[in-house]
Amino acid sequence: MYQYNDTDQTLINERVAQFKNQTERFLKGEIAEDHYRSLRLMNGIYIQTHAPMLRIAVPYGLLSSVQLRKLAHIARTYDKGYCHVTTRQNIQFNWPELAQTPDILAELATVQMHAIQTSGNCMRNTTSDPLAGVCIDEIADPRAYCEIIRQWTSFHPEFAYLPRKFKIAVTGATHDRAATKFHDIGLHLVKNHSGECGFIVYVGGGLGRTPVIGQVIKPFLEPKHLLSYLEAILRIYNLFGRRDNKYKARIKILVREEGLENFTQLVEAEWATIKDGTELSQDRINAIQAHFKPPAYETLSSQNNGYSDQLQNDVAFAKWVKYNTADHKVSGYRAVYLSLKAPEVPPGDLTDGQLDAIADLAEAYSFGEVRTTHRQNLIFADIKLTDLFTVWQKLTALNLATPNIGTATDIICCPGLDFCSLANAGSIGITKEINAALDDMDYVHDLGDIKINFSGCMNGCAHQSVGNIGILGVDKKGVEWYQLTLGGSSENDAAIGERLGPAIAKQEITAAILDILDVYVKERLNSDEHFLTTVKRIGLDPFVEQVYATH
C-alpha cells in the first residue's frame, strides 16, 4: 500500500495543529459557530443527534494492521468501543467529544490517516473495487490511479469550495464493484483495439434526492491526460454549478440542464487550454504503481487435498467458502469477506476487540492488510487455501463469518434516527427485524444474490435508489413510514429502482419485504434466475398485488 513521504506527513501534521488551535479558540468563544462549522467540516466532523460524528478517510478502502490497531485504540479511548464502516469505504466514530477530536486526529496522523475532506463541499475520498489487484476479471489495477487522484485532490486550492460535494470512483475490472456510474465522475480502466490501457470517463452520476446514472463523456482517455481531464470537468462544474439551491448544486443537475453534448463541449474547450502543459508522466505513474506491487505470493497449487477434504467434511465451512470468499488471480489463494452483517449487529459496526483481532489475522494470513467495501464489509485479499479453514474458525469466534455476502441479509443500512440528525425514520431496528425474520440460512441462500439497501432519509447514504430492493424512511406528520423500490442496481446493469407504491407503516415493513421475496420465489423460472431478472420479466404488478393486499 502507499506510504506517506515527508511532504504527505508534514501536510497532515500541520493540518492537525491548525485544527487544534481552531477548536480551542471556538471552545473559548473566540470563533463564531457559523465560521467554525466550515472548519470542522473540512476535518470530517459533523454534529449528529447525540454527539459529534468523526468520519475518517480510508483511501480506496485500504488499511494496514497498524492502522486497524489505532482505530481500535481510538474506539476504546475516545468513543464507546466501536466504529462504523461506510458506503464510501470510510470509517466513522459516533461518540467522540468535540474537544477531543483534535487529539484523535493527532493520533491518526501517527499512522498515516486523517479526516481531511471527508465532508464539506469538496472532493471526497476516492473509492474503488475492494478486490482491486486480486480479482480474476481485472484489466488493470486501479489503485495507483486512485492514489494519484488522492494526492491531486487533497488541499486542491481551486476546488476547496465547490458548489457541492464531489465524488470519484475508479474500477479496473469488467465487473463494476465500485458503483462508478453513480458518482460525479466514474472511471473504468479499459484497453483499446491496440491493447493500450485508458479510461472510459462517466460524468453526472449520483444518488440522494435525485438519483442519476452517469453518462459517457470520454470513451477513451489516455492515462497521461487523467488529471488534466478531471481538472477540466471540475472547472466547468465550479464555474457553472448552481450555488443558489443546494438540492440542485450537484454536477448531475448541471449535466442534465446543459445536456451532455453541450457540457462535453465546455469541458473539451477547457481541457484544450490545459492538457499540453499538465501531462501525467509515465515515470510518475510507475513510481506510484511501485507502491502496489503484488506481495510475496508463494507458489501454491489450486488443488489442495487437505482443503478439499475440509470442504467435503464440513458443511458449514463449505457454505462460508461459497458465499464469503472470491476467486483470486493467483493459484492457491482466495479473497475472504469478513461479514459485518451478523443478525444481531448493526450493519457495518466493528468493536475495538474485533479491530485488534482482525489486525492480528491480517498479519498472520493476509500480508498485514485489510480492505473496506462499499457494502459495509471487510476483505482479506490474500488468504492461502491451506489457511482458509483456520481463518474461518477464527472469524467465526469473532462473529465475522456469517455466510451471507451478497444475500438478502447483507443489508446496506445507514444509522437512521438512532444517530443521524437528518434522518426521517429508523433503519437499524427494522434491519434487525428483517434479519430475524430471515433466520433460515437455507432459505436465504436459496434466494441467491439479492441486494437490499436501507436509508433513513432522502440523502440516500445507504444507496436505496440502486438496491435490488430499496427501503427509504419518510416522515408523515411525525410518524415513521417507508417507501419501497424494486429493480435498482449499482453494477454493470446500472438501474434506478422503481417505486412500488404508497409508503408502508413501520410495523408492516418487514412483512412487506417477506411478501416481495415470496413473490420472487413463486414467479422465478428456476433457482438460477436472479431477482432483477425476474423483476424485469414480470414487472411490478405481481409484487404490488401481494404487498398491498395485506399492507
Protein backbone atom coordinates (compact mmCIF):
# COMPACT_ATOMS: atom_id res chain seq x y z
CA MET A 1 0.00 0.00 0.00
CA TYR A 2 1.04 3.63 -0.41
CA GLN A 3 3.32 5.03 2.29
CA TYR A 4 3.47 8.73 3.11
CA ASN A 5 6.55 10.67 2.14
CA ASP A 6 7.86 13.64 4.14
CA THR A 7 5.60 16.05 2.27
CA ASP A 8 2.48 13.98 2.98
CA GLN A 9 3.30 13.71 6.67
CA THR A 10 4.13 17.40 7.02
CA LEU A 11 0.82 18.40 5.44
CA ILE A 12 -1.16 16.18 7.79
CA ASN A 13 0.77 17.28 10.89
CA GLU A 14 0.30 20.95 10.05
CA ARG A 15 -3.44 20.46 9.47
CA VAL A 16 -3.77 18.73 12.86
CA ALA A 17 -2.02 21.62 14.62
CA GLN A 18 -4.14 24.15 12.75
CA PHE A 19 -7.42 22.47 13.66
CA LYS A 20 -6.39 22.02 17.29
CA ASN A 21 -5.88 25.76 17.52
CA GLN A 22 -9.19 26.47 15.76
CA THR A 23 -11.11 24.13 18.09
CA GLU A 24 -9.55 25.59 21.24
CA ARG A 25 -10.45 29.09 20.07
CA PHE A 26 -14.00 28.02 19.25
CA LEU A 27 -14.49 26.45 22.68
CA LYS A 28 -13.27 29.69 24.25
CA GLY A 29 -15.83 31.65 22.22
CA GLU A 30 -13.23 33.32 20.01
CA ILE A 31 -14.59 31.80 16.77
CA ALA A 32 -18.28 32.06 15.90
CA GLU A 33 -20.25 28.86 15.41
CA ASP A 34 -21.07 29.60 11.76
CA HIS A 35 -17.39 30.13 10.96
CA TYR A 36 -16.25 27.09 12.93
CA ARG A 37 -18.80 24.89 11.15
CA SER A 38 -16.90 25.12 7.86
CA LEU A 39 -13.61 24.46 9.66
CA ARG A 40 -14.82 21.29 11.40
CA LEU A 41 -16.43 20.00 8.20
CA MET A 42 -13.07 20.36 6.46
CA ASN A 43 -11.79 17.96 9.10
CA GLY A 44 -14.54 15.37 8.90
CA ILE A 45 -16.64 16.39 11.92
CA TYR A 46 -20.43 16.52 11.81
CA ILE A 47 -22.76 17.33 14.70
CA GLN A 48 -25.25 14.47 14.96
CA THR A 49 -28.20 13.72 17.26
CA HIS A 50 -26.24 12.64 20.33
CA ALA A 51 -22.64 13.73 19.74
CA PRO A 52 -20.19 14.77 17.05
CA MET A 53 -19.53 12.21 14.35
CA LEU A 54 -15.97 11.90 13.03
CA ARG A 55 -15.51 10.46 9.54
CA ILE A 56 -12.02 9.13 8.80
CA ALA A 57 -10.74 8.76 5.25
CA VAL A 58 -9.73 5.30 4.05
CA PRO A 59 -8.39 5.97 0.54
CA TYR A 60 -9.75 3.36 -1.88
CA GLY A 61 -10.60 1.21 1.15
CA LEU A 62 -7.08 0.02 2.04
CA LEU A 63 -5.99 -0.34 5.68
CA SER A 64 -2.87 -1.74 7.33
CA SER A 65 -2.83 -3.77 10.53
CA VAL A 66 -1.12 -0.82 12.26
CA GLN A 67 -3.98 1.45 11.25
CA LEU A 68 -6.55 -1.09 12.43
CA ARG A 69 -4.95 -1.15 15.86
CA LYS A 70 -5.00 2.62 16.01
CA LEU A 71 -8.71 2.60 15.17
CA ALA A 72 -9.25 0.07 17.95
CA HIS A 73 -7.38 2.33 20.37
CA ILE A 74 -9.47 5.34 19.34
CA ALA A 75 -12.68 3.33 19.77
CA ARG A 76 -11.66 2.39 23.32
CA THR A 77 -10.19 5.72 24.35
CA TYR A 78 -12.39 8.32 22.72
CA ASP A 79 -15.61 6.54 21.72
CA LYS A 80 -17.89 3.79 23.03
CA GLY A 81 -15.80 0.85 21.89
CA TYR A 82 -16.77 0.57 18.25
CA CYS A 83 -16.64 2.19 14.82
CA HIS A 84 -18.71 2.03 11.63
CA VAL A 85 -17.77 1.22 8.01
CA THR A 86 -19.48 3.48 5.47
CA THR A 87 -20.57 3.04 1.87
CA ARG A 88 -17.64 5.20 0.77
CA GLN A 89 -15.19 2.76 2.36
CA ASN A 90 -14.51 5.20 5.22
CA ILE A 91 -14.64 4.74 9.00
CA GLN A 92 -16.92 6.71 11.33
CA PHE A 93 -16.95 7.25 15.08
CA ASN A 94 -20.30 8.32 16.51
CA TRP A 95 -19.48 9.37 20.09
CA PRO A 96 -16.31 11.49 20.31
CA GLU A 97 -16.26 14.69 22.35
CA LEU A 98 -15.67 17.77 20.23
CA ALA A 99 -12.82 18.97 22.48
CA GLN A 100 -11.03 15.65 21.92
CA THR A 101 -11.35 15.46 18.14
CA PRO A 102 -8.02 17.26 17.54
CA ASP A 103 -6.36 14.65 19.77
CA ILE A 104 -7.94 11.88 17.72
CA LEU A 105 -6.69 13.49 14.51
CA ALA A 106 -3.20 13.75 16.02
CA GLU A 107 -3.28 10.03 16.85
CA LEU A 108 -4.44 9.21 13.32
CA ALA A 109 -1.58 11.23 11.84
CA THR A 110 0.93 8.91 13.52
CA VAL A 111 -0.34 6.03 11.33
CA GLN A 112 -0.79 7.99 8.10
CA MET A 113 -4.51 8.60 8.46
CA HIS A 114 -6.66 11.73 8.55
CA ALA A 115 -10.20 13.04 8.18
CA ILE A 116 -9.50 15.80 5.67
CA GLN A 117 -12.17 16.34 3.02
CA THR A 118 -14.46 13.61 4.28
CA SER A 119 -17.18 16.25 4.50
CA GLY A 120 -17.95 19.68 3.10
CA ASN A 121 -18.27 20.94 -0.47
CA CYS A 122 -15.01 19.49 -1.70
CA MET A 123 -13.57 16.44 -3.46
CA ARG A 124 -14.23 13.47 -1.18
CA ASN A 125 -12.47 10.14 -0.66
CA THR A 126 -11.80 8.33 -3.95
CA THR A 127 -13.30 4.85 -3.87
CA SER A 128 -12.50 1.71 -5.84
CA ASP A 129 -13.07 -2.00 -6.32
CA PRO A 130 -12.36 -3.74 -2.97
CA LEU A 131 -10.94 -6.68 -4.95
CA ALA A 132 -8.51 -4.48 -6.88
CA GLY A 133 -5.24 -6.23 -7.66
CA VAL A 134 -6.53 -9.75 -6.96
CA CYS A 135 -9.78 -10.26 -8.90
CA ILE A 136 -9.75 -12.58 -11.90
CA ASP A 137 -11.68 -10.16 -14.14
CA GLU A 138 -9.23 -7.30 -13.74
CA ILE A 139 -7.98 -5.41 -16.80
CA ALA A 140 -5.56 -3.28 -14.78
CA ASP A 141 -5.06 -2.46 -11.10
CA PRO A 142 -6.81 0.89 -10.43
CA ARG A 143 -5.23 1.62 -7.04
CA ALA A 144 -2.24 3.58 -8.33
CA TYR A 145 -4.58 5.89 -10.22
CA CYS A 146 -6.74 6.23 -7.09
CA GLU A 147 -3.64 7.30 -5.18
CA ILE A 148 -2.66 9.78 -7.90
CA ILE A 149 -6.17 11.24 -7.70
CA ARG A 150 -5.99 11.31 -3.89
CA GLN A 151 -2.80 13.34 -3.96
CA TRP A 152 -4.22 15.68 -6.59
CA THR A 153 -7.47 16.27 -4.73
CA SER A 154 -6.01 16.80 -1.24
CA PHE A 155 -5.92 20.53 -0.45
CA HIS A 156 -6.54 21.42 -4.10
CA PRO A 157 -6.84 25.21 -3.77
CA GLU A 158 -9.11 25.75 -6.78
CA PHE A 159 -11.71 23.23 -5.66
CA ALA A 160 -11.87 23.74 -1.88
CA TYR A 161 -15.31 25.41 -2.10
CA LEU A 162 -17.25 23.64 -4.82
CA PRO A 163 -21.00 24.14 -5.29
CA ARG A 164 -21.48 20.79 -3.55
CA LYS A 165 -19.55 17.66 -2.54
CA PHE A 166 -17.83 15.77 -5.35
CA LYS A 167 -17.12 12.04 -5.54
CA ILE A 168 -14.89 9.97 -7.84
CA ALA A 169 -14.76 6.18 -8.18
CA VAL A 170 -12.34 4.05 -10.20
CA THR A 171 -12.54 0.42 -11.30
CA GLY A 172 -10.18 -1.73 -13.34
CA ALA A 173 -12.33 -4.85 -13.74
CA THR A 174 -15.02 -5.96 -16.14
CA HIS A 175 -17.45 -6.29 -13.23
CA ASP A 176 -18.18 -2.93 -11.64
CA ARG A 177 -17.97 -3.43 -7.87
CA ALA A 178 -17.43 0.28 -7.17
CA ALA A 179 -20.79 1.76 -8.29
CA THR A 180 -18.88 4.01 -10.70
CA LYS A 181 -21.93 5.02 -12.74
CA PHE A 182 -23.43 6.67 -9.66
CA HIS A 183 -20.54 9.02 -8.97
CA ASP A 184 -19.90 12.57 -10.08
CA ILE A 185 -17.06 11.07 -12.11
CA GLY A 186 -16.69 7.36 -12.72
CA LEU A 187 -13.55 5.92 -14.31
CA HIS A 188 -13.38 2.47 -15.96
CA LEU A 189 -9.97 1.17 -16.95
CA VAL A 190 -10.23 -0.48 -20.38
CA LYS A 191 -8.00 -1.49 -23.28
CA ASN A 192 -8.44 -0.10 -26.78
CA HIS A 193 -8.05 -2.02 -30.04
CA SER A 194 -4.27 -1.59 -29.83
CA GLY A 195 -4.14 -3.11 -26.35
CA GLU A 196 -3.36 0.24 -24.72
CA CYS A 197 -4.84 1.00 -21.30
CA GLY A 198 -7.04 4.02 -20.78
CA PHE A 199 -10.24 5.19 -19.13
CA ILE A 200 -13.88 5.36 -20.06
CA VAL A 201 -14.99 8.53 -18.27
CA TYR A 202 -18.53 8.77 -16.91
CA VAL A 203 -19.90 12.07 -15.63
CA GLY A 204 -23.00 13.28 -13.83
CA GLY A 205 -23.96 10.21 -11.84
CA GLY A 206 -25.26 10.44 -8.32
CA LEU A 207 -27.76 9.24 -5.74
CA GLY A 208 -29.55 11.14 -2.97
CA ARG A 209 -32.77 13.02 -3.73
CA THR A 210 -32.28 12.86 -7.49
CA PRO A 211 -30.62 9.58 -8.49
CA VAL A 212 -28.99 9.75 -11.93
CA ILE A 213 -26.96 7.26 -13.95
CA GLY A 214 -23.69 8.76 -15.21
CA GLN A 215 -23.12 9.20 -18.93
CA VAL A 216 -20.00 8.62 -21.02
CA ILE A 217 -18.25 11.92 -21.66
CA LYS A 218 -14.97 10.38 -22.90
CA PRO A 219 -14.91 6.88 -24.46
CA PHE A 220 -11.14 6.57 -24.13
CA LEU A 221 -8.80 8.79 -22.14
CA GLU A 222 -5.06 8.14 -22.10
CA PRO A 223 -3.62 7.87 -18.57
CA LYS A 224 -1.27 10.80 -19.21
CA HIS A 225 -4.32 13.05 -19.53
CA LEU A 226 -6.11 11.77 -16.43
CA LEU A 227 -5.58 14.74 -14.12
CA SER A 228 -5.96 17.42 -16.78
CA TYR A 229 -9.30 15.97 -17.93
CA LEU A 230 -10.56 15.67 -14.38
CA GLU A 231 -9.49 19.26 -13.80
CA ALA A 232 -11.36 20.43 -16.89
CA ILE A 233 -14.56 18.76 -15.64
CA LEU A 234 -14.12 20.26 -12.16
CA ARG A 235 -13.50 23.72 -13.58
CA ILE A 236 -16.70 23.68 -15.62
CA TYR A 237 -18.64 22.41 -12.64
CA ASN A 238 -17.07 25.02 -10.36
CA LEU A 239 -17.94 27.78 -12.82
CA PHE A 240 -21.46 26.77 -13.75
CA GLY A 241 -22.71 24.54 -10.95
CA ARG A 242 -25.69 26.03 -9.14
CA ARG A 243 -24.98 27.64 -5.79
CA ASP A 244 -28.45 29.10 -5.32
CA ASN A 245 -30.05 25.78 -4.32
CA LYS A 246 -28.14 23.03 -2.53
CA TYR A 247 -30.57 20.41 -3.84
CA LYS A 248 -29.65 21.38 -7.41
CA ALA A 249 -25.96 22.03 -6.83
CA ARG A 250 -24.53 18.62 -7.80
CA ILE A 251 -22.88 18.12 -11.17
CA LYS A 252 -25.63 15.68 -12.17
CA ILE A 253 -28.07 18.63 -12.28
CA LEU A 254 -25.65 20.74 -14.32
CA VAL A 255 -25.16 17.94 -16.85
CA ARG A 256 -28.91 17.42 -17.08
CA GLU A 257 -29.66 21.13 -17.52
CA GLU A 258 -26.87 21.73 -20.04
CA GLY A 259 -27.31 18.42 -21.85
CA LEU A 260 -24.41 16.02 -22.25
CA GLU A 261 -23.39 17.36 -25.67
CA ASN A 262 -23.10 20.97 -24.54
CA PHE A 263 -21.46 20.01 -21.26
CA THR A 264 -18.90 17.91 -23.15
CA GLN A 265 -18.12 20.84 -25.45
CA LEU A 266 -17.49 23.09 -22.45
CA VAL A 267 -15.18 20.50 -20.89
CA GLU A 268 -13.30 19.82 -24.12
CA ALA A 269 -12.75 23.53 -24.71
CA GLU A 270 -11.40 23.97 -21.18
CA TRP A 271 -9.28 20.84 -21.49
CA ALA A 272 -7.69 22.12 -24.71
CA THR A 273 -6.25 25.07 -22.78
CA ILE A 274 -4.52 22.98 -20.09
CA LYS A 275 -3.79 19.45 -21.32
CA ASP A 276 -0.46 20.03 -23.06
CA GLY A 277 1.22 21.52 -20.02
CA THR A 278 -0.13 19.18 -17.38
CA GLU A 279 0.51 15.67 -18.63
CA LEU A 280 0.94 12.88 -16.11
CA SER A 281 4.34 11.37 -16.87
CA GLN A 282 4.88 7.64 -17.17
CA ASP A 283 7.63 7.96 -14.58
CA ARG A 284 5.11 9.39 -12.13
CA ILE A 285 2.64 6.58 -12.85
CA ASN A 286 5.39 3.96 -12.49
CA ALA A 287 6.54 5.44 -9.18
CA ILE A 288 3.05 5.20 -7.68
CA GLN A 289 2.42 1.75 -9.18
CA ALA A 290 5.57 0.56 -7.39
CA HIS A 291 3.68 1.00 -4.11
CA PHE A 292 1.13 -1.57 -5.26
CA LYS A 293 3.37 -4.38 -6.42
CA PRO A 294 1.94 -7.85 -5.69
CA PRO A 295 3.01 -9.21 -2.31
CA ALA A 296 5.35 -12.16 -1.94
CA TYR A 297 2.94 -14.88 -3.02
CA GLU A 298 4.05 -18.46 -2.63
CA THR A 299 3.84 -20.94 -5.48
CA LEU A 300 0.83 -22.97 -4.46
CA SER A 301 -1.46 -25.46 -6.11
CA SER A 302 -5.14 -24.63 -6.52
CA GLN A 303 -5.80 -28.33 -5.88
CA ASN A 304 -5.07 -28.88 -2.22
CA ASN A 305 -6.15 -32.23 -0.81
CA GLY A 306 -6.45 -31.00 2.77
CA TYR A 307 -8.62 -28.07 1.69
CA SER A 308 -10.74 -30.34 -0.49
CA ASP A 309 -11.28 -32.71 2.42
CA GLN A 310 -12.32 -29.81 4.68
CA LEU A 311 -14.87 -28.68 2.10
CA GLN A 312 -16.27 -32.18 1.84
CA ASN A 313 -16.39 -32.93 5.53
CA ASP A 314 -17.68 -29.66 6.98
CA VAL A 315 -20.95 -28.31 5.54
CA ALA A 316 -20.76 -25.02 7.45
CA PHE A 317 -17.24 -24.34 6.18
CA ALA A 318 -18.26 -25.17 2.61
CA LYS A 319 -21.17 -22.71 2.79
CA TRP A 320 -18.88 -19.99 4.12
CA VAL A 321 -16.38 -20.59 1.31
CA LYS A 322 -19.17 -20.41 -1.27
CA TYR A 323 -20.67 -17.15 -0.03
CA ASN A 324 -17.83 -15.32 1.73
CA THR A 325 -14.81 -15.96 -0.48
CA ALA A 326 -13.94 -14.97 -4.05
CA ASP A 327 -11.66 -16.28 -6.77
CA HIS A 328 -8.10 -14.95 -6.74
CA LYS A 329 -5.88 -14.34 -9.75
CA VAL A 330 -3.02 -16.22 -8.06
CA SER A 331 -3.35 -20.00 -7.85
CA GLY A 332 -3.74 -21.34 -4.32
CA TYR A 333 -5.25 -18.15 -2.83
CA ARG A 334 -8.73 -16.74 -2.28
CA ALA A 335 -10.10 -13.38 -1.18
CA VAL A 336 -12.13 -13.59 2.03
CA TYR A 337 -15.05 -11.38 3.04
CA LEU A 338 -15.49 -10.56 6.71
CA SER A 339 -19.24 -10.17 7.15
CA LEU A 340 -20.19 -7.20 9.32
CA LYS A 341 -23.83 -8.28 8.98
CA ALA A 342 -24.37 -10.76 11.79
CA PRO A 343 -28.13 -10.77 12.52
CA GLU A 344 -27.93 -9.11 15.93
CA VAL A 345 -25.35 -6.44 14.99
CA PRO A 346 -25.97 -3.01 13.40
CA PRO A 347 -24.71 -3.38 9.81
CA GLY A 348 -21.15 -2.17 9.33
CA ASP A 349 -20.20 -1.89 13.01
CA LEU A 350 -16.89 -3.20 14.42
CA THR A 351 -15.84 -3.36 18.06
CA ASP A 352 -12.39 -2.45 19.34
CA GLY A 353 -11.74 -6.10 20.14
CA GLN A 354 -12.69 -7.17 16.63
CA LEU A 355 -10.42 -4.50 15.14
CA ASP A 356 -7.43 -5.73 17.16
CA ALA A 357 -8.17 -9.36 16.27
CA ILE A 358 -8.56 -8.51 12.56
CA ALA A 359 -5.17 -6.79 12.67
CA ASP A 360 -3.64 -9.96 14.12
CA LEU A 361 -5.27 -12.12 11.45
CA ALA A 362 -4.20 -9.76 8.68
CA GLU A 363 -0.58 -10.01 9.79
CA ALA A 364 -0.72 -13.78 10.18
CA TYR A 365 -2.58 -14.62 6.98
CA SER A 366 -3.00 -11.68 4.55
CA PHE A 367 0.20 -9.63 4.32
CA GLY A 368 -0.91 -7.22 7.05
CA GLU A 369 -3.71 -5.57 5.05
CA VAL A 370 -7.50 -5.43 5.01
CA ARG A 371 -9.93 -3.62 2.72
CA THR A 372 -13.29 -1.95 3.37
CA THR A 373 -16.13 -2.41 0.88
CA HIS A 374 -18.93 -0.08 -0.17
CA ARG A 375 -21.39 -2.70 1.09
CA GLN A 376 -20.03 -2.15 4.62
CA ASN A 377 -17.97 -5.34 4.94
CA LEU A 378 -14.22 -6.07 5.06
CA ILE A 379 -11.93 -8.20 2.88
CA PHE A 380 -8.72 -10.13 3.43
CA ALA A 381 -7.45 -10.10 -0.14
CA ASP A 382 -4.81 -12.84 0.02
CA ILE A 383 -5.64 -15.97 2.01
CA LYS A 384 -3.99 -19.29 1.16
CA LEU A 385 -6.32 -22.22 0.58
CA THR A 386 -4.38 -24.09 3.27
CA ASP A 387 -5.25 -21.32 5.77
CA LEU A 388 -8.92 -20.92 4.91
CA PHE A 389 -10.26 -23.37 7.47
CA THR A 390 -8.26 -21.80 10.29
CA VAL A 391 -9.25 -18.28 9.23
CA TRP A 392 -12.91 -19.35 9.09
CA GLN A 393 -12.73 -20.75 12.61
CA LYS A 394 -11.14 -17.58 13.95
CA LEU A 395 -13.64 -15.33 12.15
CA THR A 396 -16.50 -17.46 13.46
CA ALA A 397 -15.25 -16.90 17.00
CA LEU A 398 -15.23 -13.16 16.27
CA ASN A 399 -18.81 -13.19 14.88
CA LEU A 400 -17.43 -12.13 11.47
CA ALA A 401 -18.23 -15.28 9.47
CA THR A 402 -21.97 -15.11 8.83
CA PRO A 403 -22.20 -16.74 5.35
CA ASN A 404 -24.36 -14.04 3.82
CA ILE A 405 -22.25 -11.89 1.49
CA GLY A 406 -24.45 -10.77 -1.41
CA THR A 407 -27.59 -12.24 0.13
CA ALA A 408 -30.81 -10.70 1.47
CA THR A 409 -29.30 -10.29 4.95
CA ASP A 410 -26.19 -8.47 3.67
CA ILE A 411 -28.14 -5.23 4.00
CA ILE A 412 -26.59 -1.81 3.48
CA CYS A 413 -28.04 0.31 6.27
CA CYS A 414 -27.48 3.92 7.30
CA PRO A 415 -27.53 4.94 11.00
CA GLY A 416 -31.02 6.42 10.64
CA LEU A 417 -32.75 8.07 13.58
CA ASP A 418 -30.53 6.24 16.06
CA PHE A 419 -27.71 8.68 15.29
CA CYS A 420 -28.32 10.94 12.31
CA SER A 421 -29.88 14.36 12.81
CA LEU A 422 -31.05 14.38 9.17
CA ALA A 423 -32.94 11.09 9.29
CA ASN A 424 -36.72 10.85 8.98
CA ALA A 425 -37.02 7.26 10.17
CA GLY A 426 -35.15 4.48 11.90
CA SER A 427 -33.25 1.88 9.92
CA ILE A 428 -31.12 -0.21 12.29
CA GLY A 429 -34.09 -1.62 14.20
CA ILE A 430 -36.00 -2.57 11.04
CA THR A 431 -32.87 -4.18 9.62
CA LYS A 432 -32.65 -6.35 12.74
CA GLU A 433 -36.31 -7.28 12.28
CA ILE A 434 -35.71 -8.31 8.67
CA ASN A 435 -32.69 -10.37 9.69
CA ALA A 436 -34.66 -12.04 12.46
CA ALA A 437 -37.43 -12.89 10.01
CA LEU A 438 -34.87 -14.35 7.59
CA ASP A 439 -33.37 -16.65 10.21
CA ASP A 440 -33.32 -19.71 7.92
CA MET A 441 -29.98 -19.52 6.11
CA ASP A 442 -31.01 -22.27 3.69
CA TYR A 443 -33.89 -20.06 2.57
CA VAL A 444 -31.60 -17.02 2.36
CA HIS A 445 -29.12 -18.99 0.24
CA ASP A 446 -31.94 -20.28 -1.97
CA LEU A 447 -32.95 -16.68 -2.68
CA GLY A 448 -29.48 -16.10 -4.11
CA ASP A 449 -27.90 -12.73 -4.84
CA ILE A 450 -30.27 -10.02 -3.59
CA LYS A 451 -29.09 -6.59 -2.52
CA ILE A 452 -31.27 -4.72 -0.03
CA ASN A 453 -30.34 -1.08 0.67
CA PHE A 454 -31.97 0.88 3.50
CA SER A 455 -31.77 4.66 4.01
CA GLY A 456 -33.44 6.67 6.75
CA CYS A 457 -33.87 9.79 4.60
CA MET A 458 -33.72 11.16 1.04
CA ASN A 459 -29.99 11.85 1.29
CA GLY A 460 -29.64 8.17 0.46
CA CYS A 461 -26.41 7.36 2.31
CA ALA A 462 -27.27 3.65 2.01
CA HIS A 463 -27.92 3.92 -1.74
CA GLN A 464 -31.53 2.74 -1.53
CA SER A 465 -32.20 4.01 -5.07
CA VAL A 466 -29.95 1.31 -6.51
CA GLY A 467 -30.84 -1.55 -4.21
CA ASN A 468 -32.45 -4.56 -5.86
CA ILE A 469 -34.90 -3.82 -3.06
CA GLY A 470 -34.68 -0.26 -1.76
CA ILE A 471 -36.16 0.94 1.51
CA LEU A 472 -36.49 4.67 2.21
CA GLY A 473 -37.63 6.11 5.52
CA VAL A 474 -40.10 9.02 5.29
CA ASP A 475 -41.80 11.19 7.90
CA LYS A 476 -45.59 11.52 7.84
CA LYS A 477 -46.59 14.04 10.48
CA GLY A 478 -44.04 12.72 12.95
CA VAL A 479 -44.71 9.04 12.19
CA GLU A 480 -42.18 6.74 10.51
CA TRP A 481 -43.21 5.24 7.16
CA TYR A 482 -41.21 3.52 4.43
CA GLN A 483 -41.22 3.66 0.64
CA LEU A 484 -40.14 0.61 -1.36
CA THR A 485 -38.43 0.45 -4.74
CA LEU A 486 -37.55 -2.58 -6.85
CA GLY A 487 -35.11 -3.23 -9.68
CA GLY A 488 -32.19 -0.97 -8.83
CA SER A 489 -28.55 -1.89 -9.45
CA SER A 490 -25.21 -0.14 -8.99
CA GLU A 491 -23.27 -2.66 -11.07
CA ASN A 492 -22.76 -3.04 -14.83
CA ASP A 493 -26.51 -3.13 -15.40
CA ALA A 494 -26.90 0.22 -13.63
CA ALA A 495 -30.54 1.00 -12.89
CA ILE A 496 -32.61 3.15 -10.56
CA GLY A 497 -35.30 1.25 -8.69
CA GLU A 498 -38.97 1.88 -9.45
CA ARG A 499 -41.29 2.91 -6.67
CA LEU A 500 -43.63 0.08 -5.70
CA GLY A 501 -46.50 2.21 -4.38
CA PRO A 502 -47.59 4.21 -1.33
CA ALA A 503 -45.39 4.24 1.76
CA ILE A 504 -45.87 1.42 4.26
CA ALA A 505 -46.25 1.73 8.01
CA LYS A 506 -43.29 0.90 10.23
CA GLN A 507 -44.93 -2.11 11.84
CA GLU A 508 -45.66 -3.63 8.41
CA ILE A 509 -42.41 -3.08 6.51
CA THR A 510 -40.72 -6.36 7.45
CA ALA A 511 -43.79 -8.34 6.34
CA ALA A 512 -43.77 -6.38 3.07
CA ILE A 513 -40.16 -7.40 2.40
CA LEU A 514 -41.08 -11.03 3.05
CA ASP A 515 -44.00 -10.68 0.61
CA ILE A 516 -41.65 -9.37 -2.08
CA LEU A 517 -39.30 -12.29 -1.57
CA ASP A 518 -42.24 -14.71 -1.61
CA VAL A 519 -43.44 -13.36 -4.98
CA TYR A 520 -39.92 -13.74 -6.35
CA VAL A 521 -39.69 -17.38 -5.27
CA LYS A 522 -43.10 -18.16 -6.81
CA GLU A 523 -42.50 -16.30 -10.07
CA ARG A 524 -38.87 -17.06 -10.94
CA LEU A 525 -38.36 -19.55 -13.75
CA ASN A 526 -35.85 -21.54 -11.69
CA SER A 527 -33.50 -21.13 -8.76
CA ASP A 528 -30.84 -19.67 -11.07
CA GLU A 529 -32.98 -16.74 -12.22
CA HIS A 530 -31.70 -13.62 -10.47
CA PHE A 531 -34.11 -11.37 -8.59
CA LEU A 532 -33.50 -8.48 -11.01
CA THR A 533 -34.17 -10.72 -14.00
CA THR A 534 -37.49 -11.80 -12.51
CA VAL A 535 -38.49 -8.20 -11.76
CA LYS A 536 -37.68 -7.12 -15.32
CA ARG A 537 -39.56 -10.09 -16.79
CA ILE A 538 -42.79 -9.88 -14.78
CA GLY A 539 -42.86 -6.18 -13.89
CA LEU A 540 -44.01 -4.66 -10.61
CA ASP A 541 -47.68 -5.67 -10.70
CA PRO A 542 -47.36 -9.09 -9.02
CA PHE A 543 -45.32 -7.53 -6.21
CA VAL A 544 -47.77 -4.65 -5.84
CA GLU A 545 -50.73 -7.02 -5.65
CA GLN A 546 -49.24 -9.12 -2.87
CA VAL A 547 -47.70 -6.30 -0.82
CA TYR A 548 -50.73 -4.01 -0.86
CA ALA A 549 -53.29 -6.78 -0.50
CA THR A 550 -52.33 -7.02 3.15
CA HIS A 551 -50.48 -3.77 3.98
